[in-house]
Each structure stands twice: as C-alpha cells, then as structure tokens.
Amino acid sequence: MPGRRFRTYSQEFKLAAVRRVLAGEKTRAVARELGLGNLLYTWLDHYEQGGQEALIPRGRPRKAVSWARRRALVQPPSRQARRYGVGSSEPVRDSRLIELERKVGQQAVELDFVKEALRHVKAPPPPSGGASSRSSTR
C-alpha cells in the first residue's frame, strides 16, 4: 500500500498499556480501547523479555543506544554480572555492564586478529616455483 504511514507510539504509552494489562485488565479489551490490534501482545512479549527498556519507540535510535539495547535484550548477564546482582532491578548498571562486556569481547576479537596476522608475517614464505617444483600442467 503506497503512502501508508505507521503510527509511532512513545515508550510511555506502551508502558502504560502494558501496565494496564499486568494490573488485571483483559488484553483484548485494552487493545480494542486503544486501537492497537495485536500490537499489545507484541509489547507484552517485549516487556517480559527485556522489561521497560524493551519498549523502545519506533524509529532510528543512535547507534550506541541501539547496540546497547540490542545486547541487553539478546545477551543474558554474565556469571560475574549476576554475582554483582545485575539483571535484577538495576537497569542502568545492567546496560552499562553489558556494554563494557561487549567492548571487552570486541577487543579480544581484535587481539586474536592481530596475533594471527603477526604469525603470518613472521612465517617463512612458501617455496617459490623453482626448477625442483612440479608444475600444475604437464
């Protein structure tokens, strides 16, 4: 459908709708009243998976915010993060710790790449095609 525009809902609106359902109202009744259709079920799933931070508004967020939110939704907290109580009721500390863990992982990958490249540089060159080498054709 050309020219069709989607409605954009704020995070506060989504959170208010989800809280109404969690307070005991029927999901279908709230969705009908707000004109959401099946969208409320999606919001409930996102809320159950990632809490309030998962109800991000539509649109293109900044790259750092987008990556941090995506990692927080996909990646469970590490053993060390759980030891410090992250993943419970501290969303700011949780997202910060996850962002730092992502950075450490990225640096580990870069180090592995540099080590492998250095190994290739220090390795002796392969033998050249001299008189003793066999050619690929007869």
N, C-alpha and C. Protein backbone atom coordinates (compact mmCIF):
# COMPACT_ATOMS: atom_id res chain seq x y z
N MET A 1 0.83 -1.18 0.00
CA MET A 1 0.00 0.00 0.00
C MET A 1 0.88 1.24 0.00
N PRO A 2 0.98 1.90 -1.11
CA PRO A 2 1.83 3.09 -1.17
C PRO A 2 1.25 4.22 -0.33
N GLY A 3 2.15 4.91 0.34
CA GLY A 3 1.73 6.06 1.13
C GLY A 3 1.19 5.71 2.50
N ARG A 4 1.21 4.46 2.87
CA ARG A 4 0.67 4.08 4.18
C ARG A 4 1.67 4.47 5.26
N ARG A 5 1.21 5.15 6.29
CA ARG A 5 2.06 5.59 7.39
C ARG A 5 1.73 4.79 8.64
N PHE A 6 2.75 4.37 9.34
CA PHE A 6 2.56 3.65 10.58
C PHE A 6 2.51 4.65 11.74
N ARG A 7 1.69 4.33 12.72
CA ARG A 7 1.65 5.17 13.91
C ARG A 7 2.88 4.89 14.76
N THR A 8 3.39 5.92 15.37
CA THR A 8 4.53 5.80 16.26
C THR A 8 4.03 6.01 17.68
N TYR A 9 4.32 5.05 18.54
CA TYR A 9 3.90 5.13 19.93
C TYR A 9 5.11 5.37 20.81
N SER A 10 4.95 6.25 21.78
CA SER A 10 6.06 6.54 22.68
C SER A 10 6.25 5.39 23.67
N GLN A 11 7.40 5.38 24.31
CA GLN A 11 7.70 4.35 25.29
C GLN A 11 6.74 4.47 26.48
N GLU A 12 6.36 5.68 26.84
CA GLU A 12 5.45 5.88 27.96
C GLU A 12 4.06 5.32 27.66
N PHE A 13 3.61 5.52 26.41
CA PHE A 13 2.30 4.99 26.02
C PHE A 13 2.30 3.46 26.06
N LYS A 14 3.36 2.87 25.52
CA LYS A 14 3.47 1.42 25.52
C LYS A 14 3.51 0.88 26.94
N LEU A 15 4.29 1.53 27.79
CA LEU A 15 4.41 1.08 29.17
C LEU A 15 3.08 1.20 29.90
N ALA A 16 2.34 2.27 29.65
CA ALA A 16 1.04 2.44 30.29
C ALA A 16 0.07 1.34 29.86
N ALA A 17 0.08 1.00 28.58
CA ALA A 17 -0.81 -0.06 28.09
C ALA A 17 -0.43 -1.41 28.69
N VAL A 18 0.86 -1.71 28.76
CA VAL A 18 1.32 -2.97 29.32
C VAL A 18 0.99 -3.05 30.80
N ARG A 19 1.16 -1.95 31.52
CA ARG A 19 0.85 -1.95 32.95
C ARG A 19 -0.64 -2.15 33.21
N ARG A 20 -1.48 -1.65 32.34
CA ARG A 20 -2.93 -1.89 32.50
C ARG A 20 -3.23 -3.38 32.40
N VAL A 21 -2.58 -4.06 31.46
CA VAL A 21 -2.82 -5.49 31.30
C VAL A 21 -2.25 -6.24 32.51
N LEU A 22 -1.06 -5.84 32.97
CA LEU A 22 -0.46 -6.50 34.11
C LEU A 22 -1.24 -6.25 35.40
N ALA A 23 -2.00 -5.14 35.43
CA ALA A 23 -2.83 -4.84 36.60
C ALA A 23 -4.09 -5.69 36.65
N GLY A 24 -4.40 -6.38 35.55
CA GLY A 24 -5.54 -7.29 35.58
C GLY A 24 -6.58 -7.06 34.51
N GLU A 25 -6.46 -6.01 33.73
CA GLU A 25 -7.43 -5.78 32.66
C GLU A 25 -7.22 -6.81 31.55
N LYS A 26 -8.27 -7.08 30.82
CA LYS A 26 -8.19 -8.03 29.71
C LYS A 26 -7.38 -7.41 28.57
N THR A 27 -6.49 -8.21 28.02
CA THR A 27 -5.61 -7.73 26.96
C THR A 27 -6.40 -7.27 25.74
N ARG A 28 -7.36 -8.06 25.36
CA ARG A 28 -8.16 -7.73 24.18
C ARG A 28 -8.96 -6.44 24.37
N ALA A 29 -9.48 -6.23 25.59
CA ALA A 29 -10.26 -5.02 25.87
C ALA A 29 -9.37 -3.77 25.82
N VAL A 30 -8.18 -3.86 26.38
CA VAL A 30 -7.26 -2.72 26.36
C VAL A 30 -6.83 -2.43 24.92
N ALA A 31 -6.52 -3.47 24.17
CA ALA A 31 -6.10 -3.28 22.78
C ALA A 31 -7.22 -2.66 21.95
N ARG A 32 -8.45 -3.10 22.16
CA ARG A 32 -9.58 -2.55 21.42
C ARG A 32 -9.80 -1.09 21.79
N GLU A 33 -9.70 -0.78 23.09
CA GLU A 33 -9.93 0.59 23.55
C GLU A 33 -8.88 1.56 22.99
N LEU A 34 -7.64 1.11 22.92
CA LEU A 34 -6.56 1.97 22.44
C LEU A 34 -6.35 1.87 20.92
N GLY A 35 -7.07 0.94 20.28
CA GLY A 35 -6.96 0.79 18.83
C GLY A 35 -5.63 0.19 18.41
N LEU A 36 -5.17 -0.83 19.14
CA LEU A 36 -3.85 -1.41 18.88
C LEU A 36 -3.87 -2.71 18.11
N GLY A 37 -4.97 -3.42 18.13
CA GLY A 37 -5.00 -4.72 17.47
C GLY A 37 -4.10 -5.70 18.20
N ASN A 38 -3.27 -6.42 17.45
CA ASN A 38 -2.37 -7.42 18.05
C ASN A 38 -1.06 -6.81 18.55
N LEU A 39 -0.89 -5.53 18.38
CA LEU A 39 0.35 -4.87 18.77
C LEU A 39 0.61 -4.97 20.27
N LEU A 40 -0.45 -4.97 21.05
CA LEU A 40 -0.28 -5.05 22.51
C LEU A 40 0.34 -6.37 22.93
N TYR A 41 0.01 -7.45 22.23
CA TYR A 41 0.62 -8.75 22.54
C TYR A 41 2.14 -8.71 22.29
N THR A 42 2.53 -8.04 21.24
CA THR A 42 3.96 -7.89 20.93
C THR A 42 4.65 -7.09 22.03
N TRP A 43 4.02 -6.01 22.46
CA TRP A 43 4.60 -5.20 23.52
C TRP A 43 4.73 -6.00 24.82
N LEU A 44 3.72 -6.81 25.11
CA LEU A 44 3.79 -7.65 26.32
C LEU A 44 4.96 -8.62 26.24
N ASP A 45 5.16 -9.22 25.07
CA ASP A 45 6.30 -10.14 24.90
C ASP A 45 7.63 -9.42 25.10
N HIS A 46 7.75 -8.24 24.50
CA HIS A 46 8.98 -7.47 24.65
C HIS A 46 9.20 -7.09 26.11
N TYR A 47 8.12 -6.70 26.80
CA TYR A 47 8.24 -6.31 28.20
C TYR A 47 8.67 -7.49 29.07
N GLU A 48 8.13 -8.67 28.79
CA GLU A 48 8.51 -9.85 29.56
C GLU A 48 9.96 -10.23 29.33
N GLN A 49 10.47 -10.02 28.13
CA GLN A 49 11.85 -10.38 27.81
C GLN A 49 12.86 -9.37 28.33
N GLY A 50 12.55 -8.08 28.18
CA GLY A 50 13.56 -7.08 28.50
C GLY A 50 13.12 -5.97 29.41
N GLY A 51 11.93 -6.04 29.96
CA GLY A 51 11.47 -5.01 30.86
C GLY A 51 11.12 -3.72 30.13
N GLN A 52 11.16 -2.65 30.88
CA GLN A 52 10.76 -1.35 30.35
C GLN A 52 11.66 -0.89 29.21
N GLU A 53 12.92 -1.24 29.25
CA GLU A 53 13.86 -0.83 28.20
C GLU A 53 13.55 -1.47 26.85
N ALA A 54 12.81 -2.58 26.85
CA ALA A 54 12.50 -3.26 25.60
C ALA A 54 11.40 -2.57 24.82
N LEU A 55 10.68 -1.66 25.45
CA LEU A 55 9.59 -0.96 24.78
C LEU A 55 10.09 0.31 24.12
N ILE A 56 11.06 0.16 23.26
CA ILE A 56 11.65 1.32 22.60
C ILE A 56 10.70 1.83 21.51
N PRO A 57 10.68 3.14 21.29
CA PRO A 57 9.80 3.67 20.25
C PRO A 57 10.32 3.34 18.87
N ARG A 58 9.42 3.38 17.90
CA ARG A 58 9.79 3.13 16.52
C ARG A 58 10.67 4.26 16.02
N GLY A 59 11.50 3.98 15.08
CA GLY A 59 12.38 5.00 14.53
C GLY A 59 13.81 4.53 14.61
N ARG A 60 14.70 5.39 14.26
CA ARG A 60 16.11 5.02 14.23
C ARG A 60 16.84 5.69 15.39
N PRO A 61 17.17 4.89 16.42
CA PRO A 61 17.90 5.48 17.55
C PRO A 61 19.36 5.67 17.20
N ARG A 62 20.08 6.34 18.08
CA ARG A 62 21.51 6.49 17.87
C ARG A 62 22.17 5.12 17.91
N LYS A 63 23.29 4.99 17.23
CA LYS A 63 23.93 3.69 17.07
C LYS A 63 24.33 3.09 18.42
N ALA A 64 24.92 3.85 19.31
CA ALA A 64 25.36 3.32 20.61
C ALA A 64 24.17 2.86 21.44
N VAL A 65 23.10 3.62 21.42
CA VAL A 65 21.90 3.25 22.17
C VAL A 65 21.29 1.99 21.58
N SER A 66 21.27 1.92 20.27
CA SER A 66 20.70 0.75 19.61
C SER A 66 21.47 -0.52 19.95
N TRP A 67 22.80 -0.46 19.89
CA TRP A 67 23.61 -1.64 20.20
C TRP A 67 23.47 -2.05 21.65
N ALA A 68 23.45 -1.09 22.55
CA ALA A 68 23.33 -1.40 23.97
C ALA A 68 21.98 -2.06 24.25
N ARG A 69 20.91 -1.53 23.66
CA ARG A 69 19.59 -2.12 23.87
C ARG A 69 19.50 -3.52 23.28
N ARG A 70 20.06 -3.69 22.08
CA ARG A 70 20.00 -4.99 21.43
C ARG A 70 20.76 -6.03 22.25
N ARG A 71 21.94 -5.67 22.73
CA ARG A 71 22.73 -6.59 23.56
C ARG A 71 22.00 -6.92 24.86
N ALA A 72 21.35 -5.91 25.44
CA ALA A 72 20.64 -6.15 26.70
C ALA A 72 19.47 -7.11 26.49
N LEU A 73 18.86 -7.06 25.32
CA LEU A 73 17.73 -7.94 25.05
C LEU A 73 18.16 -9.35 24.69
N VAL A 74 19.26 -9.46 23.95
CA VAL A 74 19.68 -10.75 23.43
C VAL A 74 20.59 -11.50 24.38
N GLN A 75 21.54 -10.80 24.95
CA GLN A 75 22.59 -11.44 25.73
C GLN A 75 22.20 -11.49 27.21
N PRO A 76 22.16 -12.69 27.80
CA PRO A 76 21.89 -12.75 29.23
C PRO A 76 23.10 -12.23 30.01
N PRO A 77 22.89 -11.75 31.22
CA PRO A 77 24.02 -11.26 32.01
C PRO A 77 25.04 -12.36 32.27
N SER A 78 26.30 -12.00 32.31
CA SER A 78 27.36 -12.97 32.54
C SER A 78 27.33 -13.45 33.99
N ARG A 79 28.14 -14.46 34.27
CA ARG A 79 28.20 -15.00 35.63
C ARG A 79 28.69 -13.92 36.59
N GLN A 80 29.67 -13.13 36.16
CA GLN A 80 30.18 -12.07 37.02
C GLN A 80 29.12 -11.00 37.24
N ALA A 81 28.35 -10.68 36.21
CA ALA A 81 27.30 -9.69 36.36
C ALA A 81 26.23 -10.18 37.32
N ARG A 82 25.88 -11.46 37.23
CA ARG A 82 24.89 -12.00 38.17
C ARG A 82 25.41 -11.99 39.60
N ARG A 83 26.72 -12.19 39.76
CA ARG A 83 27.30 -12.19 41.10
C ARG A 83 27.13 -10.82 41.75
N TYR A 84 27.23 -9.76 40.96
CA TYR A 84 27.08 -8.41 41.49
C TYR A 84 25.62 -7.95 41.53
N GLY A 85 24.71 -8.84 41.21
CA GLY A 85 23.29 -8.50 41.31
C GLY A 85 22.74 -7.79 40.10
N VAL A 86 23.46 -7.79 39.01
CA VAL A 86 22.98 -7.13 37.81
C VAL A 86 21.98 -8.04 37.13
N GLY A 87 20.99 -7.44 36.51
CA GLY A 87 19.96 -8.22 35.85
C GLY A 87 18.72 -8.29 36.72
N SER A 88 18.78 -7.63 37.86
CA SER A 88 17.62 -7.64 38.74
C SER A 88 16.85 -6.34 38.58
N SER A 89 17.03 -5.41 39.49
CA SER A 89 16.25 -4.17 39.44
C SER A 89 17.13 -2.96 39.15
N GLU A 90 18.31 -3.13 38.60
CA GLU A 90 19.19 -2.02 38.31
C GLU A 90 19.44 -1.94 36.81
N PRO A 91 18.49 -1.35 36.05
CA PRO A 91 18.64 -1.34 34.59
C PRO A 91 19.81 -0.49 34.11
N VAL A 92 20.15 0.59 34.81
CA VAL A 92 21.24 1.45 34.37
C VAL A 92 22.56 0.71 34.51
N ARG A 93 22.79 0.08 35.65
CA ARG A 93 24.02 -0.66 35.87
C ARG A 93 24.09 -1.87 34.95
N ASP A 94 22.95 -2.50 34.71
CA ASP A 94 22.89 -3.66 33.84
C ASP A 94 23.32 -3.30 32.42
N SER A 95 22.78 -2.24 31.86
CA SER A 95 23.12 -1.87 30.49
C SER A 95 24.57 -1.40 30.41
N ARG A 96 25.06 -0.74 31.42
CA ARG A 96 26.45 -0.28 31.42
C ARG A 96 27.41 -1.47 31.47
N LEU A 97 27.12 -2.43 32.32
CA LEU A 97 27.98 -3.60 32.43
C LEU A 97 27.95 -4.43 31.15
N ILE A 98 26.79 -4.56 30.56
CA ILE A 98 26.69 -5.31 29.30
C ILE A 98 27.46 -4.60 28.20
N GLU A 99 27.39 -3.27 28.17
CA GLU A 99 28.13 -2.51 27.17
C GLU A 99 29.64 -2.71 27.36
N LEU A 100 30.10 -2.72 28.61
CA LEU A 100 31.52 -2.93 28.87
C LEU A 100 31.95 -4.34 28.50
N GLU A 101 31.10 -5.33 28.78
CA GLU A 101 31.43 -6.71 28.39
C GLU A 101 31.50 -6.85 26.88
N ARG A 102 30.63 -6.17 26.17
CA ARG A 102 30.67 -6.18 24.71
C ARG A 102 31.97 -5.58 24.21
N LYS A 103 32.40 -4.50 24.83
CA LYS A 103 33.64 -3.84 24.44
C LYS A 103 34.84 -4.77 24.68
N VAL A 104 34.87 -5.46 25.81
CA VAL A 104 35.96 -6.39 26.10
C VAL A 104 35.97 -7.53 25.08
N GLY A 105 34.80 -8.05 24.73
CA GLY A 105 34.72 -9.10 23.72
C GLY A 105 35.22 -8.63 22.37
N GLN A 106 34.86 -7.40 22.01
CA GLN A 106 35.31 -6.84 20.73
C GLN A 106 36.82 -6.69 20.72
N GLN A 107 37.39 -6.25 21.83
CA GLN A 107 38.85 -6.09 21.90
C GLN A 107 39.55 -7.45 21.84
N ALA A 108 38.93 -8.48 22.43
CA ALA A 108 39.53 -9.82 22.36
C ALA A 108 39.57 -10.32 20.93
N VAL A 109 38.51 -10.05 20.17
CA VAL A 109 38.48 -10.46 18.76
C VAL A 109 39.56 -9.72 17.98
N GLU A 110 39.71 -8.42 18.25
CA GLU A 110 40.75 -7.65 17.56
C GLU A 110 42.14 -8.16 17.90
N LEU A 111 42.37 -8.51 19.16
CA LEU A 111 43.67 -9.05 19.55
C LEU A 111 43.96 -10.37 18.85
N ASP A 112 42.96 -11.24 18.76
CA ASP A 112 43.14 -12.50 18.06
C ASP A 112 43.50 -12.27 16.59
N PHE A 113 42.85 -11.29 15.98
CA PHE A 113 43.13 -10.97 14.59
C PHE A 113 44.57 -10.49 14.42
N VAL A 114 45.02 -9.60 15.31
CA VAL A 114 46.37 -9.07 15.21
C VAL A 114 47.40 -10.17 15.45
N LYS A 115 47.15 -11.05 16.40
CA LYS A 115 48.07 -12.17 16.65
C LYS A 115 48.18 -13.08 15.43
N GLU A 116 47.06 -13.37 14.80
CA GLU A 116 47.07 -14.22 13.62
C GLU A 116 47.80 -13.54 12.46
N ALA A 117 47.59 -12.24 12.29
CA ALA A 117 48.27 -11.51 11.22
C ALA A 117 49.77 -11.47 11.47
N LEU A 118 50.17 -11.29 12.73
CA LEU A 118 51.59 -11.28 13.08
C LEU A 118 52.23 -12.64 12.84
N ARG A 119 51.49 -13.70 13.11
CA ARG A 119 52.00 -15.05 12.86
C ARG A 119 52.24 -15.26 11.36
N HIS A 120 51.33 -14.75 10.54
CA HIS A 120 51.50 -14.88 9.09
C HIS A 120 52.69 -14.06 8.59
N VAL A 121 52.91 -12.91 9.19
CA VAL A 121 54.02 -12.05 8.77
C VAL A 121 55.36 -12.69 9.13
N LYS A 122 55.44 -13.29 10.31
CA LYS A 122 56.69 -13.89 10.77
C LYS A 122 56.98 -15.25 10.15
N ALA A 123 55.98 -15.89 9.58
CA ALA A 123 56.16 -17.22 9.00
C ALA A 123 57.06 -17.12 7.77
N PRO A 124 57.86 -18.15 7.51
CA PRO A 124 58.72 -18.13 6.31
C PRO A 124 57.84 -18.16 5.06
N PRO A 125 58.30 -17.54 4.01
CA PRO A 125 57.49 -17.52 2.78
C PRO A 125 57.40 -18.93 2.17
N PRO A 126 56.33 -19.20 1.47
CA PRO A 126 56.19 -20.51 0.83
C PRO A 126 57.24 -20.66 -0.27
N PRO A 127 57.63 -21.89 -0.58
CA PRO A 127 58.66 -22.08 -1.61
C PRO A 127 58.17 -21.56 -2.97
N SER A 128 59.10 -20.94 -3.68
CA SER A 128 58.74 -20.39 -5.00
C SER A 128 58.79 -21.50 -6.05
N GLY A 129 58.29 -21.26 -7.19
CA GLY A 129 58.24 -22.26 -8.25
C GLY A 129 59.57 -22.36 -8.96
N GLY A 130 60.59 -22.95 -8.34
CA GLY A 130 61.92 -23.12 -8.94
C GLY A 130 61.96 -24.36 -9.81
N ALA A 131 63.18 -24.79 -10.14
CA ALA A 131 63.38 -25.94 -11.01
C ALA A 131 62.94 -27.24 -10.36
N SER A 132 63.02 -27.31 -9.04
CA SER A 132 62.68 -28.57 -8.37
C SER A 132 61.17 -28.72 -8.14
N SER A 133 60.43 -27.67 -8.32
CA SER A 133 58.99 -27.78 -8.06
C SER A 133 58.27 -28.31 -9.29
N ARG A 134 57.20 -29.01 -9.06
CA ARG A 134 56.41 -29.55 -10.16
C ARG A 134 55.39 -28.54 -10.61
N SER A 135 55.15 -28.44 -11.88
CA SER A 135 54.15 -27.53 -12.38
C SER A 135 52.78 -28.21 -12.32
N SER A 136 51.76 -27.40 -12.42
CA SER A 136 50.42 -27.95 -12.32
C SER A 136 49.97 -28.63 -13.62
N THR A 137 50.61 -28.30 -14.74
CA THR A 137 50.25 -28.96 -16.00
C THR A 137 51.45 -29.72 -16.52
N ARG A 138 51.23 -30.69 -17.34
CA ARG A 138 52.32 -31.49 -17.89
C ARG A 138 52.80 -30.96 -19.19
